[in-house]
């Protein structure tokens, strides 16, 4: 599991909490009530919002995803997706290389 180097987060989550969440996720430990915004190069969807406890289930096939955002609620995750798309579009003016942009800027 990889992470975008400039993770998006909603304002309710502190930097310390982000570090703890990332550390737990890298150990394949889910975090209660945390939603992840992911990109998966094998999925046709632009972005995926998923609860952290669901990402490790084999049926979802998301182990190779890049996490670009972390949110403390599903509603805030939708707002974060809006921010991600808006930020990307303001720089690039199209979505042709949306996934590649985040894939090459991940750790």
PDB file of N, CA and C in Angstrom:
ATOM      1  N   UNK A   1       0.846  -1.173   0.000  1.00  0.00           N
ATOM      2  CA  UNK A   1       0.000   0.000   0.000  1.00  0.00           C
ATOM      3  C   UNK A   1       0.893   1.238   0.000  1.00  0.00           C
ATOM      4  N   UNK A   2       0.604   2.135  -0.918  1.00  0.00           N
ATOM      5  CA  UNK A   2       1.383   3.361  -1.040  1.00  0.00           C
ATOM      6  C   UNK A   2       0.516   4.574  -0.728  1.00  0.00           C
ATOM      7  N   UNK A   3       1.178   5.665  -0.403  1.00  0.00           N
ATOM      8  CA  UNK A   3       0.491   6.899  -0.038  1.00  0.00           C
ATOM      9  C   UNK A   3       0.995   8.046  -0.893  1.00  0.00           C
ATOM     10  N   UNK A   4       0.079   8.913  -1.292  1.00  0.00           N
ATOM     11  CA  UNK A   4       0.423  10.142  -1.993  1.00  0.00           C
ATOM     12  C   UNK A   4       1.282  10.980  -1.053  1.00  0.00           C
ATOM     13  N   UNK A   5       2.349  11.587  -1.565  1.00  0.00           N
ATOM     14  CA  UNK A   5       3.291  12.274  -0.679  1.00  0.00           C
ATOM     15  C   UNK A   5       2.689  13.491   0.024  1.00  0.00           C
ATOM     16  N   UNK A   6       1.697  14.140  -0.579  1.00  0.00           N
ATOM     17  CA  UNK A   6       1.010  15.275   0.058  1.00  0.00           C
ATOM     18  C   UNK A   6      -0.435  14.881   0.341  1.00  0.00           C
ATOM     19  N   UNK A   7      -0.610  13.969   1.280  1.00  0.00           N
ATOM     20  CA  UNK A   7      -1.941  13.433   1.579  1.00  0.00           C
ATOM     21  C   UNK A   7      -2.964  14.531   1.824  1.00  0.00           C
ATOM     22  N   UNK A   8      -4.128  14.360   1.228  1.00  0.00           N
ATOM     23  CA  UNK A   8      -5.252  15.237   1.528  1.00  0.00           C
ATOM     24  C   UNK A   8      -5.896  14.734   2.811  1.00  0.00           C
ATOM     25  N   UNK A   9      -6.344  15.656   3.637  1.00  0.00           N
ATOM     26  CA  UNK A   9      -7.047  15.281   4.868  1.00  0.00           C
ATOM     27  C   UNK A   9      -8.053  16.368   5.186  1.00  0.00           C
ATOM     28  N   UNK A  10      -9.098  15.977   5.912  1.00  0.00           N
ATOM     29  CA  UNK A  10     -10.030  17.019   6.332  1.00  0.00           C
ATOM     30  C   UNK A  10      -9.478  17.683   7.592  1.00  0.00           C
ATOM     31  N   UNK A  11      -9.982  18.862   7.885  1.00  0.00           N
ATOM     32  CA  UNK A  11      -9.391  19.686   8.944  1.00  0.00           C
ATOM     33  C   UNK A  11      -9.543  19.131  10.351  1.00  0.00           C
ATOM     34  N   UNK A  12     -10.392  18.113  10.539  1.00  0.00           N
ATOM     35  CA  UNK A  12     -10.574  17.521  11.866  1.00  0.00           C
ATOM     36  C   UNK A  12      -9.448  16.566  12.250  1.00  0.00           C
ATOM     37  N   UNK A  13      -8.577  16.233  11.302  1.00  0.00           N
ATOM     38  CA  UNK A  13      -7.518  15.256  11.555  1.00  0.00           C
ATOM     39  C   UNK A  13      -6.180  15.991  11.653  1.00  0.00           C
ATOM     40  N   UNK A  14      -5.503  15.808  12.780  1.00  0.00           N
ATOM     41  CA  UNK A  14      -4.216  16.465  13.005  1.00  0.00           C
ATOM     42  C   UNK A  14      -3.100  15.703  12.292  1.00  0.00           C
ATOM     43  N   UNK A  15      -1.962  16.364  12.150  1.00  0.00           N
ATOM     44  CA  UNK A  15      -0.800  15.727  11.527  1.00  0.00           C
ATOM     45  C   UNK A  15      -0.347  14.508  12.333  1.00  0.00           C
ATOM     46  N   UNK A  16      -0.406  14.604  13.650  1.00  0.00           N
ATOM     47  CA  UNK A  16      -0.028  13.476  14.501  1.00  0.00           C
ATOM     48  C   UNK A  16      -0.940  12.285  14.258  1.00  0.00           C
ATOM     49  N   UNK A  17      -2.228  12.555  14.150  1.00  0.00           N
ATOM     50  CA  UNK A  17      -3.174  11.474  13.902  1.00  0.00           C
ATOM     51  C   UNK A  17      -2.951  10.866  12.517  1.00  0.00           C
ATOM     52  N   UNK A  18      -2.634  11.704  11.534  1.00  0.00           N
ATOM     53  CA  UNK A  18      -2.337  11.201  10.183  1.00  0.00           C
ATOM     54  C   UNK A  18      -1.147  10.244  10.241  1.00  0.00           C
ATOM     55  N   UNK A  19      -0.084  10.616  10.947  1.00  0.00           N
ATOM     56  CA  UNK A  19       1.094   9.758  11.054  1.00  0.00           C
ATOM     57  C   UNK A  19       0.733   8.420  11.694  1.00  0.00           C
ATOM     58  N   UNK A  20      -0.106   8.460  12.731  1.00  0.00           N
ATOM     59  CA  UNK A  20      -0.533   7.220  13.390  1.00  0.00           C
ATOM     60  C   UNK A  20      -1.373   6.352  12.459  1.00  0.00           C
ATOM     61  N   UNK A  21      -2.282   6.970  11.737  1.00  0.00           N
ATOM     62  CA  UNK A  21      -3.145   6.236  10.803  1.00  0.00           C
ATOM     63  C   UNK A  21      -2.310   5.581   9.711  1.00  0.00           C
ATOM     64  N   UNK A  22      -1.395   6.346   9.123  1.00  0.00           N
ATOM     65  CA  UNK A  22      -0.541   5.813   8.059  1.00  0.00           C
ATOM     66  C   UNK A  22       0.298   4.656   8.584  1.00  0.00           C
ATOM     67  N   UNK A  23       0.846   4.805   9.767  1.00  0.00           N
ATOM     68  CA  UNK A  23       1.650   3.744  10.368  1.00  0.00           C
ATOM     69  C   UNK A  23       0.829   2.464  10.556  1.00  0.00           C
ATOM     70  N   UNK A  24      -0.377   2.596  11.063  1.00  0.00           N
ATOM     71  CA  UNK A  24      -1.238   1.428  11.261  1.00  0.00           C
ATOM     72  C   UNK A  24      -1.629   0.785   9.933  1.00  0.00           C
ATOM     73  N   UNK A  25      -1.979   1.598   8.953  1.00  0.00           N
ATOM     74  CA  UNK A  25      -2.372   1.065   7.649  1.00  0.00           C
ATOM     75  C   UNK A  25      -1.212   0.330   6.976  1.00  0.00           C
ATOM     76  N   UNK A  26       0.001   0.837   7.137  1.00  0.00           N
ATOM     77  CA  UNK A  26       1.172   0.158   6.558  1.00  0.00           C
ATOM     78  C   UNK A  26       1.419  -1.199   7.205  1.00  0.00           C
ATOM     79  N   UNK A  27       0.896  -1.378   8.422  1.00  0.00           N
ATOM     80  CA  UNK A  27       0.998  -2.658   9.121  1.00  0.00           C
ATOM     81  C   UNK A  27      -0.240  -3.532   8.870  1.00  0.00           C
ATOM     82  N   UNK A  28      -1.076  -3.109   7.913  1.00  0.00           N
ATOM     83  CA  UNK A  28      -2.327  -3.803   7.579  1.00  0.00           C
ATOM     84  C   UNK A  28      -3.303  -3.859   8.753  1.00  0.00           C
ATOM     85  N   UNK A  29      -3.325  -2.782   9.521  1.00  0.00           N
ATOM     86  CA  UNK A  29      -4.263  -2.642  10.636  1.00  0.00           C
ATOM     87  C   UNK A  29      -5.246  -1.537  10.272  1.00  0.00           C
ATOM     88  N   UNK A  30      -6.533  -1.869  10.282  1.00  0.00           N
ATOM     89  CA  UNK A  30      -7.541  -0.855   9.952  1.00  0.00           C
ATOM     90  C   UNK A  30      -7.742   0.085  11.131  1.00  0.00           C
ATOM     91  N   UNK A  31      -8.274   1.261  10.832  1.00  0.00           N
ATOM     92  CA  UNK A  31      -8.506   2.285  11.845  1.00  0.00           C
ATOM     93  C   UNK A  31      -9.998   2.565  11.888  1.00  0.00           C
ATOM     94  N   UNK A  32     -10.565   2.509  13.085  1.00  0.00           N
ATOM     95  CA  UNK A  32     -12.005   2.688  13.252  1.00  0.00           C
ATOM     96  C   UNK A  32     -12.471   4.043  12.732  1.00  0.00           C
ATOM     97  N   UNK A  33     -13.527   4.001  11.946  1.00  0.00           N
ATOM     98  CA  UNK A  33     -14.219   5.202  11.465  1.00  0.00           C
ATOM     99  C   UNK A  33     -13.321   6.148  10.655  1.00  0.00           C
ATOM    100  N   UNK A  34     -12.428   5.585   9.874  1.00  0.00           N
ATOM    101  CA  UNK A  34     -11.586   6.371   8.977  1.00  0.00           C
ATOM    102  C   UNK A  34     -11.882   5.931   7.551  1.00  0.00           C
ATOM    103  N   UNK A  35     -12.066   6.921   6.683  1.00  0.00           N
ATOM    104  CA  UNK A  35     -12.339   6.651   5.271  1.00  0.00           C
ATOM    105  C   UNK A  35     -11.135   7.069   4.437  1.00  0.00           C
ATOM    106  N   UNK A  36     -10.850   6.252   3.441  1.00  0.00           N
ATOM    107  CA  UNK A  36      -9.696   6.476   2.581  1.00  0.00           C
ATOM    108  C   UNK A  36     -10.155   6.832   1.182  1.00  0.00           C
ATOM    109  N   UNK A  37      -9.484   7.777   0.567  1.00  0.00           N
ATOM    110  CA  UNK A  37      -9.731   8.104  -0.836  1.00  0.00           C
ATOM    111  C   UNK A  37      -8.548   7.513  -1.595  1.00  0.00           C
ATOM    112  N   UNK A  38      -8.856   6.616  -2.519  1.00  0.00           N
ATOM    113  CA  UNK A  38      -7.823   5.827  -3.184  1.00  0.00           C
ATOM    114  C   UNK A  38      -7.904   5.944  -4.700  1.00  0.00           C
ATOM    115  N   UNK A  39      -6.766   5.680  -5.311  1.00  0.00           N
ATOM    116  CA  UNK A  39      -6.679   5.504  -6.755  1.00  0.00           C
ATOM    117  C   UNK A  39      -6.122   4.112  -6.976  1.00  0.00           C
ATOM    118  N   UNK A  40      -6.748   3.406  -7.895  1.00  0.00           N
ATOM    119  CA  UNK A  40      -6.259   2.085  -8.259  1.00  0.00           C
ATOM    120  C   UNK A  40      -6.151   2.030  -9.769  1.00  0.00           C
ATOM    121  N   UNK A  41      -4.946   1.791 -10.273  1.00  0.00           N
ATOM    122  CA  UNK A  41      -4.733   1.815 -11.719  1.00  0.00           C
ATOM    123  C   UNK A  41      -5.495   0.711 -12.443  1.00  0.00           C
ATOM    124  N   UNK A  42      -5.912  -0.329 -11.723  1.00  0.00           N
ATOM    125  CA  UNK A  42      -6.655  -1.437 -12.342  1.00  0.00           C
ATOM    126  C   UNK A  42      -8.162  -1.249 -12.282  1.00  0.00           C
ATOM    127  N   UNK A  43      -8.613  -0.153 -11.690  1.00  0.00           N
ATOM    128  CA  UNK A  43     -10.036   0.111 -11.534  1.00  0.00           C
ATOM    129  C   UNK A  43     -10.435   1.226 -12.490  1.00  0.00           C
ATOM    130  N   UNK A  44     -11.604   1.103 -13.100  1.00  0.00           N
ATOM    131  CA  UNK A  44     -12.042   2.119 -14.074  1.00  0.00           C
ATOM    132  C   UNK A  44     -12.487   3.424 -13.422  1.00  0.00           C
ATOM    133  N   UNK A  45     -12.798   3.396 -12.131  1.00  0.00           N
ATOM    134  CA  UNK A  45     -13.248   4.599 -11.432  1.00  0.00           C
ATOM    135  C   UNK A  45     -12.089   5.566 -11.209  1.00  0.00           C
ATOM    136  N   UNK A  46     -12.405   6.844 -11.247  1.00  0.00           N
ATOM    137  CA  UNK A  46     -11.396   7.872 -11.026  1.00  0.00           C
ATOM    138  C   UNK A  46     -10.853   7.793  -9.600  1.00  0.00           C
ATOM    139  N   UNK A  47     -11.753   7.769  -8.631  1.00  0.00           N
ATOM    140  CA  UNK A  47     -11.391   7.682  -7.217  1.00  0.00           C
ATOM    141  C   UNK A  47     -12.309   6.684  -6.517  1.00  0.00           C
ATOM    142  N   UNK A  48     -11.825   6.145  -5.414  1.00  0.00           N
ATOM    143  CA  UNK A  48     -12.607   5.196  -4.617  1.00  0.00           C
ATOM    144  C   UNK A  48     -12.617   5.703  -3.187  1.00  0.00           C
ATOM    145  N   UNK A  49     -13.801   5.743  -2.583  1.00  0.00           N
ATOM    146  CA  UNK A  49     -13.923   6.055  -1.158  1.00  0.00           C
ATOM    147  C   UNK A  49     -14.262   4.750  -0.461  1.00  0.00           C
ATOM    148  N   UNK A  50     -13.458   4.397   0.540  1.00  0.00           N
ATOM    149  CA  UNK A  50     -13.672   3.125   1.224  1.00  0.00           C
ATOM    150  C   UNK A  50     -13.301   3.254   2.697  1.00  0.00           C
ATOM    151  N   UNK A  51     -14.046   2.572   3.544  1.00  0.00           N
ATOM    152  CA  UNK A  51     -13.733   2.523   4.964  1.00  0.00           C
ATOM    153  C   UNK A  51     -12.427   1.760   5.129  1.00  0.00           C
ATOM    154  N   UNK A  52     -11.584   2.186   6.043  1.00  0.00           N
ATOM    155  CA  UNK A  52     -10.261   1.559   6.175  1.00  0.00           C
ATOM    156  C   UNK A  52     -10.343   0.071   6.508  1.00  0.00           C
ATOM    157  N   UNK A  53     -11.400  -0.357   7.181  1.00  0.00           N
ATOM    158  CA  UNK A  53     -11.498  -1.791   7.510  1.00  0.00           C
ATOM    159  C   UNK A  53     -11.843  -2.635   6.281  1.00  0.00           C
ATOM    160  N   UNK A  54     -12.334  -2.000   5.232  1.00  0.00           N
ATOM    161  CA  UNK A  54     -12.704  -2.734   4.010  1.00  0.00           C
ATOM    162  C   UNK A  54     -11.543  -2.889   3.038  1.00  0.00           C
ATOM    163  N   UNK A  55     -10.544  -2.042   3.149  1.00  0.00           N
ATOM    164  CA  UNK A  55      -9.472  -2.042   2.145  1.00  0.00           C
ATOM    165  C   UNK A  55      -8.643  -3.325   2.167  1.00  0.00           C
ATOM    166  N   UNK A  56      -8.603  -3.999   3.298  1.00  0.00           N
ATOM    167  CA  UNK A  56      -7.782  -5.198   3.414  1.00  0.00           C
ATOM    168  C   UNK A  56      -8.509  -6.471   3.007  1.00  0.00           C
ATOM    169  N   UNK A  57      -9.796  -6.381   2.732  1.00  0.00           N
ATOM    170  CA  UNK A  57     -10.544  -7.565   2.319  1.00  0.00           C
ATOM    171  C   UNK A  57     -10.184  -7.915   0.874  1.00  0.00           C
ATOM    172  N   UNK A  58      -9.855  -9.147   0.647  1.00  0.00           N
ATOM    173  CA  UNK A  58      -9.411  -9.607  -0.678  1.00  0.00           C
ATOM    174  C   UNK A  58     -10.452  -9.348  -1.757  1.00  0.00           C
ATOM    175  N   UNK A  59     -11.719  -9.415  -1.404  1.00  0.00           N
ATOM    176  CA  UNK A  59     -12.783  -9.237  -2.392  1.00  0.00           C
ATOM    177  C   UNK A  59     -12.727  -7.846  -3.032  1.00  0.00           C
ATOM    178  N   UNK A  60     -12.229  -6.865  -2.306  1.00  0.00           N
ATOM    179  CA  UNK A  60     -12.156  -5.498  -2.841  1.00  0.00           C
ATOM    180  C   UNK A  60     -10.958  -5.287  -3.758  1.00  0.00           C
ATOM    181  N   UNK A  61      -9.961  -6.139  -3.649  1.00  0.00           N
ATOM    182  CA  UNK A  61      -8.795  -6.086  -4.528  1.00  0.00           C
ATOM    183  C   UNK A  61      -8.169  -4.690  -4.574  1.00  0.00           C
ATOM    184  N   UNK A  62      -7.986  -4.096  -3.411  1.00  0.00           N
ATOM    185  CA  UNK A  62      -7.466  -2.727  -3.341  1.00  0.00           C
ATOM    186  C   UNK A  62      -6.100  -2.640  -2.661  1.00  0.00           C
ATOM    187  N   UNK A  63      -5.433  -3.755  -2.472  1.00  0.00           N
ATOM    188  CA  UNK A  63      -4.130  -3.747  -1.810  1.00  0.00           C
ATOM    189  C   UNK A  63      -3.093  -2.920  -2.567  1.00  0.00           C
ATOM    190  N   UNK A  64      -3.240  -2.819  -3.888  1.00  0.00           N
ATOM    191  CA  UNK A  64      -2.275  -2.069  -4.701  1.00  0.00           C
ATOM    192  C   UNK A  64      -2.701  -0.623  -4.931  1.00  0.00           C
ATOM    193  N   UNK A  65      -3.619  -0.146  -4.139  1.00  0.00           N
ATOM    194  CA  UNK A  65      -4.116   1.217  -4.308  1.00  0.00           C
ATOM    195  C   UNK A  65      -3.141   2.247  -3.748  1.00  0.00           C
ATOM    196  N   UNK A  66      -3.264   3.446  -4.272  1.00  0.00           N
ATOM    197  CA  UNK A  66      -2.536   4.593  -3.744  1.00  0.00           C
ATOM    198  C   UNK A  66      -3.539   5.392  -2.921  1.00  0.00           C
ATOM    199  N   UNK A  67      -3.226   5.628  -1.665  1.00  0.00           N
ATOM    200  CA  UNK A  67      -4.119   6.416  -0.811  1.00  0.00           C
ATOM    201  C   UNK A  67      -3.714   7.876  -0.959  1.00  0.00           C
ATOM    202  N   UNK A  68      -4.676   8.685  -1.401  1.00  0.00           N
ATOM    203  CA  UNK A  68      -4.360  10.106  -1.603  1.00  0.00           C
ATOM    204  C   UNK A  68      -5.093  11.007  -0.610  1.00  0.00           C
ATOM    205  N   UNK A  69      -6.041  10.435   0.158  1.00  0.00           N
ATOM    206  CA  UNK A  69      -6.765  11.236   1.134  1.00  0.00           C
ATOM    207  C   UNK A  69      -7.262  10.411   2.293  1.00  0.00           C
ATOM    208  N   UNK A  70      -7.357  11.042   3.462  1.00  0.00           N
ATOM    209  CA  UNK A  70      -7.856  10.394   4.674  1.00  0.00           C
ATOM    210  C   UNK A  70      -8.887  11.312   5.308  1.00  0.00           C
ATOM    211  N   UNK A  71     -10.023  10.716   5.685  1.00  0.00           N
ATOM    212  CA  UNK A  71     -11.115  11.499   6.259  1.00  0.00           C
ATOM    213  C   UNK A  71     -11.696  10.792   7.479  1.00  0.00           C
ATOM    214  N   UNK A  72     -12.320  11.573   8.353  1.00  0.00           N
ATOM    215  CA  UNK A  72     -12.901  10.997   9.569  1.00  0.00           C
ATOM    216  C   UNK A  72     -14.388  10.676   9.429  1.00  0.00           C
ATOM    217  N   UNK A  73     -14.968  10.903   8.262  1.00  0.00           N
ATOM    218  CA  UNK A  73     -16.364  10.521   8.025  1.00  0.00           C
ATOM    219  C   UNK A  73     -16.599  10.383   6.523  1.00  0.00           C
ATOM    220  N   UNK A  74     -17.651   9.688   6.169  1.00  0.00           N
ATOM    221  CA  UNK A  74     -17.941   9.496   4.752  1.00  0.00           C
ATOM    222  C   UNK A  74     -18.322  10.819   4.091  1.00  0.00           C
ATOM    223  N   UNK A  75     -19.114  11.626   4.785  1.00  0.00           N
ATOM    224  CA  UNK A  75     -19.492  12.932   4.226  1.00  0.00           C
ATOM    225  C   UNK A  75     -18.269  13.809   3.980  1.00  0.00           C
ATOM    226  N   UNK A  76     -17.350  13.827   4.937  1.00  0.00           N
ATOM    227  CA  UNK A  76     -16.127  14.604   4.747  1.00  0.00           C
ATOM    228  C   UNK A  76     -15.256  14.026   3.638  1.00  0.00           C
ATOM    229  N   UNK A  77     -15.341  12.717   3.422  1.00  0.00           N
ATOM    230  CA  UNK A  77     -14.593  12.088   2.329  1.00  0.00           C
ATOM    231  C   UNK A  77     -15.106  12.603   0.983  1.00  0.00           C
ATOM    232  N   UNK A  78     -16.411  12.755   0.851  1.00  0.00           N
ATOM    233  CA  UNK A  78     -16.972  13.306  -0.391  1.00  0.00           C
ATOM    234  C   UNK A  78     -16.505  14.746  -0.615  1.00  0.00           C
ATOM    235  N   UNK A  79     -16.440  15.526   0.452  1.00  0.00           N
ATOM    236  CA  UNK A  79     -15.940  16.904   0.338  1.00  0.00           C
ATOM    237  C   UNK A  79     -14.461  16.920  -0.044  1.00  0.00           C
ATOM    238  N   UNK A  80     -13.723  15.957   0.477  1.00  0.00           N
ATOM    239  CA  UNK A  80     -12.312  15.853   0.148  1.00  0.00           C
ATOM    240  C   UNK A  80     -12.108  15.470  -1.316  1.00  0.00           C
ATOM    241  N   UNK A  81     -12.951  14.598  -1.829  1.00  0.00           N
ATOM    242  CA  UNK A  81     -12.894  14.229  -3.249  1.00  0.00           C
ATOM    243  C   UNK A  81     -13.140  15.467  -4.111  1.00  0.00           C
ATOM    244  N   UNK A  82     -14.118  16.259  -3.715  1.00  0.00           N
ATOM    245  CA  UNK A  82     -14.388  17.507  -4.449  1.00  0.00           C
ATOM    246  C   UNK A  82     -13.157  18.405  -4.462  1.00  0.00           C
ATOM    247  N   UNK A  83     -12.481  18.518  -3.326  1.00  0.00           N
ATOM    248  CA  UNK A  83     -11.273  19.339  -3.228  1.00  0.00           C
ATOM    249  C   UNK A  83     -10.144  18.774  -4.102  1.00  0.00           C
ATOM    250  N   UNK A  84      -9.961  17.459  -4.080  1.00  0.00           N
ATOM    251  CA  UNK A  84      -8.912  16.810  -4.874  1.00  0.00           C
ATOM    252  C   UNK A  84      -9.133  17.074  -6.354  1.00  0.00           C
ATOM    253  N   UNK A  85     -10.356  16.848  -6.809  1.00  0.00           N
ATOM    254  CA  UNK A  85     -10.672  17.035  -8.225  1.00  0.00           C
ATOM    255  C   UNK A  85     -10.522  18.504  -8.625  1.00  0.00           C
ATOM    256  N   UNK A  86     -10.987  19.397  -7.780  1.00  0.00           N
ATOM    257  CA  UNK A  86     -10.887  20.830  -8.053  1.00  0.00           C
ATOM    258  C   UNK A  86      -9.422  21.275  -8.133  1.00  0.00           C
ATOM    259  N   UNK A  87      -8.610  20.822  -7.185  1.00  0.00           N
ATOM    260  CA  UNK A  87      -7.190  21.169  -7.187  1.00  0.00           C
ATOM    261  C   UNK A  87      -6.504  20.664  -8.449  1.00  0.00           C
ATOM    262  N   UNK A  88      -6.770  19.413  -8.799  1.00  0.00           N
ATOM    263  CA  UNK A  88      -6.143  18.825  -9.983  1.00  0.00           C
ATOM    264  C   UNK A  88      -6.568  19.574 -11.243  1.00  0.00           C
ATOM    265  N   UNK A  89      -7.852  19.848 -11.363  1.00  0.00           N
ATOM    266  CA  UNK A  89      -8.360  20.505 -12.567  1.00  0.00           C
ATOM    267  C   UNK A  89      -7.837  21.933 -12.706  1.00  0.00           C
ATOM    268  N   UNK A  90      -7.668  22.614 -11.594  1.00  0.00           N
ATOM    269  CA  UNK A  90      -7.156  23.989 -11.664  1.00  0.00           C
ATOM    270  C   UNK A  90      -5.718  24.038 -12.201  1.00  0.00           C
ATOM    271  N   UNK A  91      -4.986  22.967 -12.029  1.00  0.00           N
ATOM    272  CA  UNK A  91      -3.608  22.894 -12.527  1.00  0.00           C
ATOM    273  C   UNK A  91      -3.549  22.351 -13.951  1.00  0.00           C
ATOM    274  N   UNK A  92      -4.327  21.302 -14.239  1.00  0.00           N
ATOM    275  CA  UNK A  92      -4.165  20.558 -15.493  1.00  0.00           C
ATOM    276  C   UNK A  92      -5.245  20.786 -16.543  1.00  0.00           C
ATOM    277  N   UNK A  93      -6.381  21.294 -16.176  1.00  0.00           N
ATOM    278  CA  UNK A  93      -7.484  21.627 -17.091  1.00  0.00           C
ATOM    279  C   UNK A  93      -8.100  20.436 -17.835  1.00  0.00           C
ATOM    280  N   UNK A  94      -7.666  19.220 -17.556  1.00  0.00           N
ATOM    281  CA  UNK A  94      -8.309  18.017 -18.098  1.00  0.00           C
ATOM    282  C   UNK A  94      -7.964  16.837 -17.191  1.00  0.00           C
ATOM    283  N   UNK A  95      -8.615  15.716 -17.433  1.00  0.00           N
ATOM    284  CA  UNK A  95      -8.414  14.555 -16.568  1.00  0.00           C
ATOM    285  C   UNK A  95      -7.696  13.412 -17.274  1.00  0.00           C
ATOM    286  N   UNK A  96      -7.011  13.702 -18.372  1.00  0.00           N
ATOM    287  CA  UNK A  96      -6.366  12.649 -19.155  1.00  0.00           C
ATOM    288  C   UNK A  96      -5.329  11.863 -18.362  1.00  0.00           C
ATOM    289  N   UNK A  97      -4.570  12.519 -17.519  1.00  0.00           N
ATOM    290  CA  UNK A  97      -3.507  11.847 -16.770  1.00  0.00           C
ATOM    291  C   UNK A  97      -3.742  11.894 -15.267  1.00  0.00           C
ATOM    292  N   UNK A  98      -4.995  11.935 -14.867  1.00  0.00           N
ATOM    293  CA  UNK A  98      -5.344  12.081 -13.451  1.00  0.00           C
ATOM    294  C   UNK A  98      -4.673  11.009 -12.593  1.00  0.00           C
ATOM    295  N   UNK A  99      -4.872   9.753 -12.918  1.00  0.00           N
ATOM    296  CA  UNK A  99      -4.307   8.666 -12.111  1.00  0.00           C
ATOM    297  C   UNK A  99      -2.789   8.677 -12.133  1.00  0.00           C
ATOM    298  N   UNK A 100      -2.211   8.875 -13.306  1.00  0.00           N
ATOM    299  CA  UNK A 100      -0.752   8.874 -13.415  1.00  0.00           C
ATOM    300  C   UNK A 100      -0.116   9.983 -12.589  1.00  0.00           C
ATOM    301  N   UNK A 101      -0.777  11.125 -12.515  1.00  0.00           N
ATOM    302  CA  UNK A 101      -0.269  12.242 -11.725  1.00  0.00           C
ATOM    303  C   UNK A 101      -0.071  11.827 -10.265  1.00  0.00           C
ATOM    304  N   UNK A 102      -1.059  11.150  -9.695  1.00  0.00           N
ATOM    305  CA  UNK A 102      -0.970  10.731  -8.298  1.00  0.00           C
ATOM    306  C   UNK A 102      -0.078   9.510  -8.134  1.00  0.00           C
ATOM    307  N   UNK A 103      -0.080   8.621  -9.123  1.00  0.00           N
ATOM    308  CA  UNK A 103       0.763   7.432  -9.036  1.00  0.00           C
ATOM    309  C   UNK A 103       2.255   7.789  -9.003  1.00  0.00           C
ATOM    310  N   UNK A 104       2.652   8.753  -9.811  1.00  0.00           N
ATOM    311  CA  UNK A 104       4.073   9.104  -9.853  1.00  0.00           C
ATOM    312  C   UNK A 104       4.483   9.975  -8.674  1.00  0.00           C
ATOM    313  N   UNK A 105       3.543  10.531  -7.940  1.00  0.00           N
ATOM    314  CA  UNK A 105       3.847  11.340  -6.764  1.00  0.00           C
ATOM    315  C   UNK A 105       3.517  10.620  -5.468  1.00  0.00           C
ATOM    316  N   UNK A 106       3.629   9.306  -5.480  1.00  0.00           N
ATOM    317  CA  UNK A 106       3.334   8.524  -4.267  1.00  0.00           C
ATOM    318  C   UNK A 106       4.615   7.920  -3.708  1.00  0.00           C
ATOM    319  N   UNK A 107       4.534   7.566  -2.443  1.00  0.00           N
ATOM    320  CA  UNK A 107       5.703   6.978  -1.748  1.00  0.00           C
ATOM    321  C   UNK A 107       5.476   5.505  -1.507  1.00  0.00           C
TER     322      UNK A 107
END
